N, C-alpha and C. Protein backbone atom coordinates (compact mmCIF):
# COMPACT_ATOMS: atom_id res chain seq x y z
N MET A 1 118.91 108.16 84.50
CA MET A 1 119.87 107.29 83.84
C MET A 1 121.16 107.12 84.64
N LEU A 2 121.43 108.08 85.53
CA LEU A 2 122.63 107.99 86.35
C LEU A 2 122.61 106.77 87.27
N THR A 3 121.39 106.30 87.58
CA THR A 3 121.27 105.14 88.47
C THR A 3 121.28 103.81 87.72
N SER A 4 121.43 103.85 86.40
CA SER A 4 121.37 102.60 85.61
C SER A 4 122.37 101.53 86.05
N PRO A 5 123.57 101.89 86.54
CA PRO A 5 124.47 100.83 87.02
C PRO A 5 123.90 100.04 88.18
N LEU A 6 122.90 100.62 88.89
CA LEU A 6 122.29 99.92 90.02
C LEU A 6 121.22 98.94 89.57
N TRP A 7 120.35 99.38 88.61
CA TRP A 7 119.21 98.54 88.27
C TRP A 7 119.37 97.74 86.98
N LEU A 8 120.28 98.20 86.08
CA LEU A 8 120.43 97.49 84.81
C LEU A 8 120.92 96.05 84.99
N PRO A 9 121.93 95.79 85.85
CA PRO A 9 122.33 94.40 86.06
C PRO A 9 121.19 93.53 86.61
N LEU A 10 120.36 94.11 87.49
CA LEU A 10 119.22 93.35 88.02
C LEU A 10 118.23 93.01 86.92
N MET A 11 118.03 93.92 85.97
CA MET A 11 117.11 93.66 84.87
C MET A 11 117.64 92.55 83.97
N VAL A 12 118.95 92.57 83.72
CA VAL A 12 119.56 91.52 82.89
C VAL A 12 119.42 90.15 83.56
N ILE A 13 119.70 90.11 84.86
CA ILE A 13 119.56 88.86 85.63
C ILE A 13 118.11 88.39 85.59
N SER A 14 117.16 89.31 85.73
CA SER A 14 115.74 88.96 85.73
C SER A 14 115.31 88.39 84.38
N VAL A 15 115.79 88.99 83.29
CA VAL A 15 115.47 88.50 81.95
C VAL A 15 115.96 87.06 81.79
N LEU A 16 117.20 86.82 82.19
CA LEU A 16 117.78 85.47 82.07
C LEU A 16 117.02 84.48 82.94
N TYR A 17 116.63 84.92 84.13
CA TYR A 17 115.90 84.04 85.04
C TYR A 17 114.57 83.61 84.46
N VAL A 18 113.78 84.58 83.97
CA VAL A 18 112.45 84.27 83.41
C VAL A 18 112.58 83.33 82.22
N LYS A 19 113.56 83.58 81.35
CA LYS A 19 113.77 82.71 80.18
C LYS A 19 114.19 81.32 80.59
N LEU A 20 114.95 81.22 81.69
CA LEU A 20 115.47 79.92 82.14
C LEU A 20 114.38 79.03 82.72
N VAL A 21 113.47 79.61 83.50
CA VAL A 21 112.50 78.79 84.25
C VAL A 21 111.15 78.66 83.56
N SER A 22 110.91 79.44 82.49
CA SER A 22 109.59 79.41 81.87
C SER A 22 109.68 79.80 80.40
N SER A 23 108.99 79.05 79.55
CA SER A 23 108.94 79.40 78.13
C SER A 23 107.90 80.48 77.91
N GLY A 24 108.14 81.32 76.93
CA GLY A 24 107.20 82.40 76.65
C GLY A 24 107.87 83.75 76.75
N PRO A 25 107.10 84.81 76.59
CA PRO A 25 107.68 86.17 76.62
C PRO A 25 108.23 86.53 77.99
N VAL A 26 109.23 87.38 78.01
CA VAL A 26 109.83 87.84 79.27
C VAL A 26 108.97 88.92 79.91
N PHE A 27 108.43 89.81 79.06
CA PHE A 27 107.69 90.94 79.58
C PHE A 27 106.18 90.67 79.57
N TYR A 28 105.49 91.37 80.46
CA TYR A 28 104.04 91.27 80.57
C TYR A 28 103.48 92.69 80.61
N ARG A 29 102.49 92.97 79.79
CA ARG A 29 101.86 94.29 79.76
C ARG A 29 100.41 94.18 80.22
N GLN A 30 99.97 95.16 80.97
CA GLN A 30 98.60 95.16 81.47
C GLN A 30 98.11 96.60 81.59
N GLU A 31 96.85 96.81 81.25
CA GLU A 31 96.29 98.15 81.35
C GLU A 31 96.06 98.52 82.81
N ARG A 32 96.47 99.71 83.19
CA ARG A 32 96.26 100.22 84.54
C ARG A 32 95.67 101.63 84.45
N VAL A 33 95.18 102.10 85.60
CA VAL A 33 94.60 103.44 85.68
C VAL A 33 95.64 104.40 86.24
N GLY A 34 95.94 105.45 85.48
CA GLY A 34 96.97 106.40 85.88
C GLY A 34 96.42 107.71 86.38
N LEU A 35 97.23 108.74 86.29
CA LEU A 35 96.87 110.07 86.77
C LEU A 35 95.60 110.57 86.10
N GLY A 36 94.65 111.04 86.93
CA GLY A 36 93.40 111.57 86.41
C GLY A 36 92.53 110.53 85.73
N SER A 37 92.68 109.26 86.11
CA SER A 37 91.90 108.14 85.56
C SER A 37 92.31 107.77 84.14
N LYS A 38 93.41 108.34 83.65
CA LYS A 38 93.87 108.04 82.29
C LYS A 38 94.51 106.66 82.24
N PRO A 39 94.06 105.79 81.33
CA PRO A 39 94.65 104.44 81.25
C PRO A 39 96.03 104.46 80.60
N PHE A 40 96.86 103.52 81.01
CA PHE A 40 98.17 103.34 80.38
C PHE A 40 98.55 101.87 80.53
N MET A 41 99.57 101.46 79.81
CA MET A 41 100.03 100.07 79.86
C MET A 41 101.24 99.97 80.76
N ILE A 42 101.13 99.14 81.78
CA ILE A 42 102.22 98.95 82.72
C ILE A 42 103.10 97.79 82.24
N TRP A 43 104.40 97.89 82.51
CA TRP A 43 105.35 96.84 82.13
C TRP A 43 105.81 96.08 83.38
N LYS A 44 105.89 94.76 83.24
CA LYS A 44 106.41 93.92 84.31
C LYS A 44 107.18 92.77 83.68
N PHE A 45 108.07 92.16 84.46
CA PHE A 45 108.62 90.88 84.06
C PHE A 45 107.55 89.83 84.37
N ARG A 46 107.36 88.90 83.45
CA ARG A 46 106.32 87.89 83.64
C ARG A 46 106.70 86.96 84.79
N SER A 47 105.80 86.85 85.77
CA SER A 47 106.04 85.98 86.92
C SER A 47 105.00 84.86 86.99
N MET A 48 104.10 84.82 85.99
CA MET A 48 103.10 83.76 85.93
C MET A 48 103.26 82.97 84.64
N GLN A 49 102.69 81.79 84.63
CA GLN A 49 102.71 80.98 83.43
C GLN A 49 101.95 81.68 82.31
N VAL A 50 102.33 81.40 81.06
CA VAL A 50 101.67 82.01 79.91
C VAL A 50 100.20 81.62 79.89
N ASN A 51 99.34 82.58 79.58
CA ASN A 51 97.89 82.37 79.49
C ASN A 51 97.28 81.91 80.82
N ALA A 52 97.85 82.36 81.93
CA ALA A 52 97.30 82.00 83.25
C ALA A 52 95.91 82.58 83.41
N ASP A 53 95.03 81.80 84.01
CA ASP A 53 93.66 82.24 84.26
C ASP A 53 93.66 83.34 85.32
N THR A 54 92.99 84.46 85.03
CA THR A 54 92.98 85.59 85.96
C THR A 54 91.67 85.72 86.72
N THR A 55 90.70 84.86 86.44
CA THR A 55 89.39 85.01 87.07
C THR A 55 89.47 84.81 88.58
N THR A 56 90.34 83.89 89.03
CA THR A 56 90.50 83.67 90.47
C THR A 56 91.03 84.93 91.15
N HIS A 57 92.02 85.55 90.52
CA HIS A 57 92.61 86.77 91.09
C HIS A 57 91.59 87.91 91.11
N GLU A 58 90.80 88.02 90.04
CA GLU A 58 89.80 89.09 89.97
C GLU A 58 88.76 88.93 91.08
N GLY A 59 88.32 87.70 91.31
CA GLY A 59 87.36 87.45 92.37
C GLY A 59 87.94 87.72 93.74
N TYR A 60 89.21 87.35 93.92
CA TYR A 60 89.89 87.57 95.19
C TYR A 60 90.04 89.06 95.46
N THR A 61 90.43 89.81 94.42
CA THR A 61 90.59 91.26 94.56
C THR A 61 89.27 91.92 94.93
N LYS A 62 88.19 91.47 94.30
CA LYS A 62 86.86 92.02 94.60
C LYS A 62 86.51 91.80 96.06
N SER A 63 86.84 90.62 96.59
CA SER A 63 86.54 90.33 98.00
C SER A 63 87.36 91.22 98.93
N LEU A 64 88.59 91.55 98.54
CA LEU A 64 89.43 92.43 99.36
C LEU A 64 88.88 93.85 99.38
N ILE A 65 88.41 94.32 98.24
CA ILE A 65 87.88 95.67 98.15
C ILE A 65 86.61 95.81 98.98
N ARG A 66 85.80 94.80 98.95
CA ARG A 66 84.51 94.86 99.65
C ARG A 66 84.60 94.38 101.10
N GLY A 67 85.73 93.81 101.47
CA GLY A 67 85.88 93.30 102.84
C GLY A 67 86.83 94.14 103.66
N ASN A 68 87.30 93.54 104.75
CA ASN A 68 88.19 94.28 105.65
C ASN A 68 89.35 93.40 106.09
N SER A 69 89.70 92.44 105.24
CA SER A 69 90.77 91.51 105.59
C SER A 69 92.10 91.99 105.05
N PRO A 70 93.22 91.53 105.62
CA PRO A 70 94.54 91.93 105.12
C PRO A 70 94.71 91.55 103.66
N MET A 71 95.40 92.40 102.92
CA MET A 71 95.57 92.21 101.47
C MET A 71 96.72 91.26 101.16
N LYS A 72 96.57 90.02 101.62
CA LYS A 72 97.58 89.00 101.35
C LYS A 72 97.53 88.62 99.87
N LYS A 73 98.70 88.35 99.30
CA LYS A 73 98.75 87.91 97.92
C LYS A 73 98.30 86.45 97.81
N LEU A 74 97.71 86.13 96.65
CA LEU A 74 97.27 84.76 96.44
C LEU A 74 98.43 83.77 96.49
N ASP A 75 99.61 84.21 96.05
CA ASP A 75 100.73 83.25 96.02
C ASP A 75 101.22 82.88 97.40
N GLU A 76 100.81 83.65 98.43
CA GLU A 76 101.16 83.26 99.79
C GLU A 76 100.40 82.00 100.19
N ARG A 77 99.26 81.76 99.56
CA ARG A 77 98.45 80.59 99.87
C ARG A 77 98.77 79.42 98.93
N GLY A 78 99.68 79.68 98.00
CA GLY A 78 100.01 78.67 97.00
C GLY A 78 99.24 78.95 95.73
N ASP A 79 99.96 79.23 94.65
CA ASP A 79 99.32 79.60 93.39
C ASP A 79 100.05 78.88 92.27
N SER A 80 99.35 77.94 91.64
CA SER A 80 99.97 77.13 90.59
C SER A 80 100.28 77.93 89.34
N ARG A 81 99.76 79.16 89.25
CA ARG A 81 100.00 79.98 88.06
C ARG A 81 101.40 80.61 88.07
N ILE A 82 102.04 80.64 89.25
CA ILE A 82 103.33 81.30 89.39
C ILE A 82 104.45 80.44 88.79
N ILE A 83 105.39 81.08 88.12
CA ILE A 83 106.52 80.36 87.55
C ILE A 83 107.41 79.84 88.69
N PRO A 84 108.25 78.82 88.44
CA PRO A 84 109.14 78.31 89.49
C PRO A 84 109.98 79.43 90.11
N GLY A 85 109.98 79.47 91.43
CA GLY A 85 110.72 80.52 92.12
C GLY A 85 110.06 81.88 92.08
N GLY A 86 108.84 81.92 91.55
CA GLY A 86 108.15 83.18 91.36
C GLY A 86 107.80 83.90 92.65
N LYS A 87 107.58 83.16 93.73
CA LYS A 87 107.25 83.79 95.01
C LYS A 87 108.37 84.72 95.47
N LEU A 88 109.60 84.19 95.44
CA LEU A 88 110.74 84.99 95.87
C LEU A 88 111.01 86.12 94.88
N PHE A 89 110.84 85.83 93.60
CA PHE A 89 111.02 86.82 92.54
C PHE A 89 110.11 88.02 92.78
N ARG A 90 108.86 87.73 93.15
CA ARG A 90 107.89 88.80 93.40
C ARG A 90 108.15 89.48 94.75
N ALA A 91 108.56 88.70 95.75
CA ALA A 91 108.86 89.28 97.06
C ALA A 91 110.00 90.28 96.97
N MET A 92 110.95 90.04 96.06
CA MET A 92 112.07 90.95 95.85
C MET A 92 111.68 92.12 94.95
N ALA A 93 110.44 92.08 94.42
CA ALA A 93 109.92 93.13 93.53
C ALA A 93 110.72 93.23 92.23
N LEU A 94 111.41 92.16 91.85
CA LEU A 94 112.16 92.18 90.60
C LEU A 94 111.22 92.23 89.40
N ASP A 95 110.03 91.68 89.54
CA ASP A 95 109.06 91.72 88.45
C ASP A 95 108.60 93.15 88.14
N GLU A 96 108.78 94.07 89.09
CA GLU A 96 108.33 95.45 88.92
C GLU A 96 109.38 96.34 88.24
N LEU A 97 110.60 95.87 88.08
CA LEU A 97 111.68 96.72 87.55
C LEU A 97 111.37 97.37 86.20
N PRO A 98 110.70 96.68 85.26
CA PRO A 98 110.42 97.33 83.98
C PRO A 98 109.56 98.58 84.08
N GLN A 99 108.94 98.80 85.24
CA GLN A 99 108.14 100.01 85.39
C GLN A 99 109.00 101.27 85.44
N LEU A 100 110.32 101.08 85.51
CA LEU A 100 111.22 102.22 85.36
C LEU A 100 111.03 102.87 83.99
N PHE A 101 110.65 102.06 82.98
CA PHE A 101 110.37 102.61 81.67
C PHE A 101 109.09 103.45 81.70
N ASN A 102 108.10 103.02 82.51
CA ASN A 102 106.89 103.83 82.69
C ASN A 102 107.23 105.16 83.35
N VAL A 103 108.20 105.11 84.28
CA VAL A 103 108.63 106.34 84.95
C VAL A 103 109.29 107.27 83.95
N LEU A 104 110.17 106.73 83.11
CA LEU A 104 110.86 107.54 82.12
C LEU A 104 109.89 108.14 81.10
N CYS A 105 108.77 107.45 80.85
CA CYS A 105 107.76 107.94 79.91
C CYS A 105 106.80 108.94 80.55
N GLY A 106 106.94 109.14 81.88
CA GLY A 106 106.08 110.09 82.57
C GLY A 106 104.73 109.54 82.97
N GLU A 107 104.54 108.22 82.81
CA GLU A 107 103.26 107.59 83.17
C GLU A 107 103.21 107.23 84.65
N MET A 108 104.37 107.09 85.26
CA MET A 108 104.47 106.75 86.66
C MET A 108 105.58 107.59 87.30
N SER A 109 105.61 107.53 88.63
CA SER A 109 106.68 108.16 89.41
C SER A 109 107.35 107.07 90.23
N LEU A 110 108.51 107.38 90.78
CA LEU A 110 109.14 106.40 91.67
C LEU A 110 108.28 106.17 92.91
N VAL A 111 107.62 107.24 93.38
CA VAL A 111 106.79 107.16 94.59
C VAL A 111 105.37 107.60 94.27
N GLY A 112 104.41 106.84 94.76
CA GLY A 112 103.00 107.17 94.56
C GLY A 112 102.14 105.95 94.79
N PRO A 113 100.82 106.08 94.70
CA PRO A 113 99.93 104.93 94.87
C PRO A 113 100.15 103.90 93.76
N ARG A 114 100.02 102.64 94.09
CA ARG A 114 100.14 101.60 93.07
C ARG A 114 98.95 101.69 92.11
N PRO A 115 99.19 101.64 90.80
CA PRO A 115 98.09 101.75 89.84
C PRO A 115 97.23 100.48 89.81
N CYS A 116 95.93 100.65 89.83
CA CYS A 116 95.02 99.51 89.80
C CYS A 116 94.56 99.24 88.37
N THR A 117 93.90 98.12 88.16
CA THR A 117 93.35 97.79 86.85
C THR A 117 92.02 98.52 86.67
N PRO A 118 91.57 98.70 85.41
CA PRO A 118 90.27 99.33 85.18
C PRO A 118 89.13 98.57 85.87
N ALA A 119 89.19 97.24 85.91
CA ALA A 119 88.14 96.45 86.56
C ALA A 119 88.08 96.76 88.05
N GLU A 120 89.24 96.89 88.68
CA GLU A 120 89.27 97.24 90.10
C GLU A 120 88.75 98.65 90.33
N PHE A 121 89.12 99.56 89.43
CA PHE A 121 88.72 100.96 89.55
C PHE A 121 87.20 101.10 89.51
N GLU A 122 86.55 100.26 88.72
CA GLU A 122 85.09 100.28 88.61
C GLU A 122 84.42 99.91 89.94
N LEU A 123 85.12 99.19 90.79
CA LEU A 123 84.56 98.77 92.07
C LEU A 123 84.78 99.82 93.16
N TYR A 124 85.58 100.83 92.88
CA TYR A 124 85.89 101.85 93.86
C TYR A 124 84.68 102.72 94.18
N GLU A 125 84.59 103.14 95.43
CA GLU A 125 83.64 104.18 95.81
C GLU A 125 84.22 105.53 95.37
N PRO A 126 83.37 106.56 95.24
CA PRO A 126 83.88 107.87 94.76
C PRO A 126 85.09 108.37 95.53
N TRP A 127 85.11 108.24 96.86
CA TRP A 127 86.24 108.77 97.62
C TRP A 127 87.51 107.96 97.42
N HIS A 128 87.35 106.68 97.06
CA HIS A 128 88.53 105.86 96.75
C HIS A 128 89.28 106.41 95.54
N LYS A 129 88.51 106.94 94.57
CA LYS A 129 89.08 107.35 93.30
C LYS A 129 89.96 108.59 93.41
N CYS A 130 89.96 109.24 94.57
CA CYS A 130 90.83 110.40 94.76
C CYS A 130 92.31 110.01 94.75
N ARG A 131 92.59 108.70 94.87
CA ARG A 131 93.99 108.26 94.87
C ARG A 131 94.64 108.45 93.50
N VAL A 132 93.85 108.66 92.45
CA VAL A 132 94.44 108.85 91.12
C VAL A 132 94.69 110.33 90.83
N ASN A 133 94.60 111.17 91.85
CA ASN A 133 94.89 112.59 91.67
C ASN A 133 96.39 112.88 91.68
N VAL A 134 97.19 111.85 91.94
CA VAL A 134 98.65 111.97 91.83
C VAL A 134 99.16 110.83 90.95
N LEU A 135 100.35 111.00 90.39
CA LEU A 135 100.93 109.96 89.56
C LEU A 135 101.09 108.66 90.35
N PRO A 136 100.76 107.52 89.75
CA PRO A 136 101.03 106.24 90.42
C PRO A 136 102.52 106.02 90.53
N GLY A 137 102.92 105.19 91.49
CA GLY A 137 104.35 104.99 91.72
C GLY A 137 104.77 103.54 91.83
N MET A 138 106.07 103.32 91.83
CA MET A 138 106.64 101.99 91.99
C MET A 138 106.64 101.58 93.46
N THR A 139 106.78 102.57 94.34
CA THR A 139 106.68 102.33 95.77
C THR A 139 105.89 103.48 96.38
N GLY A 140 105.50 103.34 97.64
CA GLY A 140 104.70 104.40 98.24
C GLY A 140 104.43 104.16 99.72
N GLN A 141 103.54 104.97 100.27
CA GLN A 141 103.19 104.88 101.69
C GLN A 141 102.70 103.48 102.05
N TRP A 142 101.87 102.90 101.20
CA TRP A 142 101.31 101.59 101.51
C TRP A 142 102.40 100.53 101.57
N GLN A 143 103.34 100.58 100.63
CA GLN A 143 104.39 99.56 100.56
C GLN A 143 105.27 99.56 101.80
N VAL A 144 105.50 100.71 102.40
CA VAL A 144 106.42 100.78 103.54
C VAL A 144 105.69 100.88 104.88
N ASN A 145 104.36 100.75 104.84
CA ASN A 145 103.58 100.84 106.07
C ASN A 145 102.60 99.67 106.22
N GLY A 146 103.12 98.48 106.04
CA GLY A 146 102.30 97.30 106.30
C GLY A 146 101.95 96.48 105.09
N LYS A 147 101.69 97.12 103.97
CA LYS A 147 101.36 96.47 102.71
C LYS A 147 100.38 95.31 102.88
N ASN A 148 100.86 94.07 102.79
CA ASN A 148 99.96 92.92 102.80
C ASN A 148 99.29 92.66 104.15
N ASN A 149 99.70 93.40 105.17
CA ASN A 149 99.05 93.26 106.48
C ASN A 149 97.96 94.30 106.69
N THR A 150 97.73 95.15 105.69
CA THR A 150 96.71 96.18 105.80
C THR A 150 95.49 95.80 104.97
N SER A 151 94.36 96.42 105.30
CA SER A 151 93.14 96.20 104.53
C SER A 151 93.11 97.16 103.33
N PHE A 152 92.16 96.94 102.44
CA PHE A 152 92.02 97.82 101.28
C PHE A 152 91.75 99.25 101.72
N THR A 153 90.85 99.42 102.71
CA THR A 153 90.51 100.76 103.19
C THR A 153 91.72 101.45 103.78
N GLN A 154 92.54 100.71 104.53
CA GLN A 154 93.76 101.29 105.09
C GLN A 154 94.73 101.72 103.99
N MET A 155 94.80 100.93 102.92
CA MET A 155 95.66 101.29 101.78
C MET A 155 95.19 102.60 101.16
N ILE A 156 93.88 102.74 100.97
CA ILE A 156 93.34 103.97 100.39
C ILE A 156 93.68 105.18 101.26
N HIS A 157 93.52 105.03 102.58
CA HIS A 157 93.83 106.14 103.49
C HIS A 157 95.31 106.53 103.40
N LEU A 158 96.19 105.53 103.29
CA LEU A 158 97.62 105.81 103.16
C LEU A 158 97.92 106.54 101.85
N ASP A 159 97.25 106.13 100.77
CA ASP A 159 97.46 106.78 99.48
C ASP A 159 96.96 108.22 99.50
N LEU A 160 95.80 108.45 100.12
CA LEU A 160 95.27 109.80 100.19
C LEU A 160 96.14 110.70 101.07
N GLU A 161 96.68 110.10 102.15
CA GLU A 161 97.58 110.86 103.02
C GLU A 161 98.82 111.28 102.24
N TYR A 162 99.33 110.37 101.42
CA TYR A 162 100.50 110.72 100.60
C TYR A 162 100.17 111.89 99.68
N GLY A 163 98.99 111.85 99.04
CA GLY A 163 98.60 112.92 98.14
C GLY A 163 98.51 114.27 98.83
N ARG A 164 98.12 114.27 100.11
CA ARG A 164 97.98 115.53 100.86
C ARG A 164 99.33 116.06 101.33
N THR A 165 100.28 115.17 101.58
CA THR A 165 101.54 115.58 102.22
C THR A 165 102.76 115.40 101.34
N MET A 166 102.57 115.02 100.08
CA MET A 166 103.71 114.68 99.22
C MET A 166 104.69 115.84 99.11
N SER A 167 105.96 115.49 99.16
CA SER A 167 107.05 116.46 99.01
C SER A 167 108.30 115.67 98.63
N ILE A 168 109.33 116.37 98.24
CA ILE A 168 110.58 115.71 97.89
C ILE A 168 111.18 114.99 99.09
N TRP A 169 110.92 115.52 100.29
CA TRP A 169 111.47 114.91 101.51
C TRP A 169 110.72 113.63 101.86
N SER A 170 109.38 113.66 101.70
CA SER A 170 108.61 112.45 102.00
C SER A 170 108.92 111.36 100.98
N ASP A 171 109.12 111.75 99.71
CA ASP A 171 109.49 110.77 98.68
C ASP A 171 110.84 110.14 99.00
N ALA A 172 111.79 110.98 99.42
CA ALA A 172 113.13 110.46 99.76
C ALA A 172 113.04 109.49 100.93
N SER A 173 112.19 109.80 101.92
CA SER A 173 112.02 108.93 103.08
C SER A 173 111.43 107.59 102.67
N ILE A 174 110.41 107.63 101.79
CA ILE A 174 109.76 106.40 101.35
C ILE A 174 110.73 105.53 100.55
N ILE A 175 111.51 106.15 99.67
CA ILE A 175 112.48 105.40 98.88
C ILE A 175 113.52 104.75 99.79
N ALA A 176 113.97 105.50 100.81
CA ALA A 176 114.97 104.96 101.74
C ALA A 176 114.41 103.79 102.54
N ARG A 177 113.11 103.81 102.84
CA ARG A 177 112.49 102.74 103.62
C ARG A 177 112.11 101.54 102.77
N THR A 178 112.12 101.71 101.45
CA THR A 178 111.67 100.63 100.57
C THR A 178 112.60 99.43 100.61
N VAL A 179 113.91 99.68 100.58
CA VAL A 179 114.87 98.56 100.56
C VAL A 179 114.75 97.71 101.83
N PRO A 180 114.77 98.31 103.04
CA PRO A 180 114.58 97.49 104.25
C PRO A 180 113.25 96.73 104.24
N THR A 181 112.21 97.37 103.67
CA THR A 181 110.91 96.70 103.59
C THR A 181 110.99 95.48 102.69
N LEU A 182 111.68 95.60 101.55
CA LEU A 182 111.84 94.48 100.64
C LEU A 182 112.63 93.35 101.29
N VAL A 183 113.67 93.72 102.05
CA VAL A 183 114.45 92.70 102.76
C VAL A 183 113.55 91.94 103.74
N GLY A 184 112.68 92.66 104.43
CA GLY A 184 111.73 92.03 105.33
C GLY A 184 110.79 91.10 104.60
N GLN A 185 110.33 91.51 103.40
CA GLN A 185 109.45 90.67 102.61
C GLN A 185 110.15 89.40 102.17
N ILE A 186 111.41 89.53 101.79
CA ILE A 186 112.18 88.36 101.35
C ILE A 186 112.34 87.38 102.52
N TYR A 187 112.65 87.92 103.69
CA TYR A 187 112.80 87.08 104.88
C TYR A 187 111.49 86.37 105.19
N ALA A 188 110.38 87.11 105.11
CA ALA A 188 109.07 86.52 105.40
C ALA A 188 108.72 85.44 104.38
N SER A 189 109.06 85.69 103.10
CA SER A 189 108.79 84.71 102.06
C SER A 189 109.59 83.43 102.30
N ARG A 190 110.86 83.57 102.65
CA ARG A 190 111.71 82.40 102.91
C ARG A 190 111.21 81.64 104.14
N ARG A 191 110.73 82.39 105.13
CA ARG A 191 110.23 81.74 106.35
C ARG A 191 108.95 80.95 106.05
N ARG A 192 108.07 81.54 105.21
CA ARG A 192 106.84 80.82 104.83
C ARG A 192 107.18 79.54 104.07
N ARG A 193 108.15 79.65 103.17
CA ARG A 193 108.54 78.47 102.39
C ARG A 193 109.10 77.39 103.30
N ALA A 194 109.90 77.77 104.29
CA ALA A 194 110.46 76.80 105.24
C ALA A 194 109.37 76.14 106.06
N LEU A 195 108.37 76.93 106.48
CA LEU A 195 107.25 76.38 107.25
C LEU A 195 106.42 75.43 106.40
N GLU A 196 106.19 75.83 105.12
CA GLU A 196 105.43 74.97 104.21
C GLU A 196 106.15 73.64 104.00
N LYS A 197 107.48 73.71 103.84
CA LYS A 197 108.27 72.49 103.64
C LYS A 197 108.21 71.61 104.88
N ALA A 198 108.32 72.25 106.06
CA ALA A 198 108.26 71.49 107.32
C ALA A 198 106.90 70.83 107.50
N ASN A 199 105.84 71.55 107.13
CA ASN A 199 104.49 71.01 107.27
C ASN A 199 104.27 69.83 106.32
N ARG A 200 104.82 69.93 105.09
CA ARG A 200 104.70 68.83 104.14
C ARG A 200 105.43 67.59 104.66
N GLN A 201 106.64 67.80 105.17
CA GLN A 201 107.42 66.68 105.68
C GLN A 201 106.74 66.04 106.87
N SER A 202 106.12 66.89 107.72
CA SER A 202 105.41 66.39 108.89
C SER A 202 104.20 65.56 108.50
N SER A 203 103.48 66.03 107.47
CA SER A 203 102.29 65.29 107.03
C SER A 203 102.66 63.97 106.36
N GLN A 204 103.83 63.93 105.71
CA GLN A 204 104.27 62.71 105.05
C GLN A 204 104.71 61.65 106.04
N THR A 205 105.25 62.09 107.18
CA THR A 205 105.74 61.15 108.16
C THR A 205 104.68 60.77 109.21
N ALA A 206 103.55 61.49 109.18
CA ALA A 206 102.49 61.23 110.17
C ALA A 206 101.78 59.91 109.88
């Protein structure tokens, strides 16, 4: 709670933003797999349109798990389900802020593997499932070591490495590296948007 002056204003701004650009609830809840395979409900700020179809995302996630391609987000390719400005909102990880309540409830930690959905967990091989032997986190080894440029298998290896070497010092290092990583993601998101705009203008004038 001592850190509330840092994140509370961001949460208020995020609430106002979601209400301004999209009708519907501000928060989004989804079942995830937690410590020891125990399910829990994760909290997020809604970054997609209400009642958005999830079948495309589920199929895409399945292809990432079974393949060896970088884990790029669907919204990088253009996703009509995202609310206006949602790409930048997600790149800044503002949609993840409500998970601080999951941390306070003991369902998550600040640092740890990102919790997957039960459907994704069913696709895991036995050795993949070892990643749930530690509390899931808001940030972790994967987030600060490539994230969307890594494959699913590389993500699993990073999560397992964290489980083997976790300490207060490694957590502090990951937290310290998270902010610069987010800044890099924001820069990359803005650069993609600029390139997309330039490409549209080029195609219109061709």
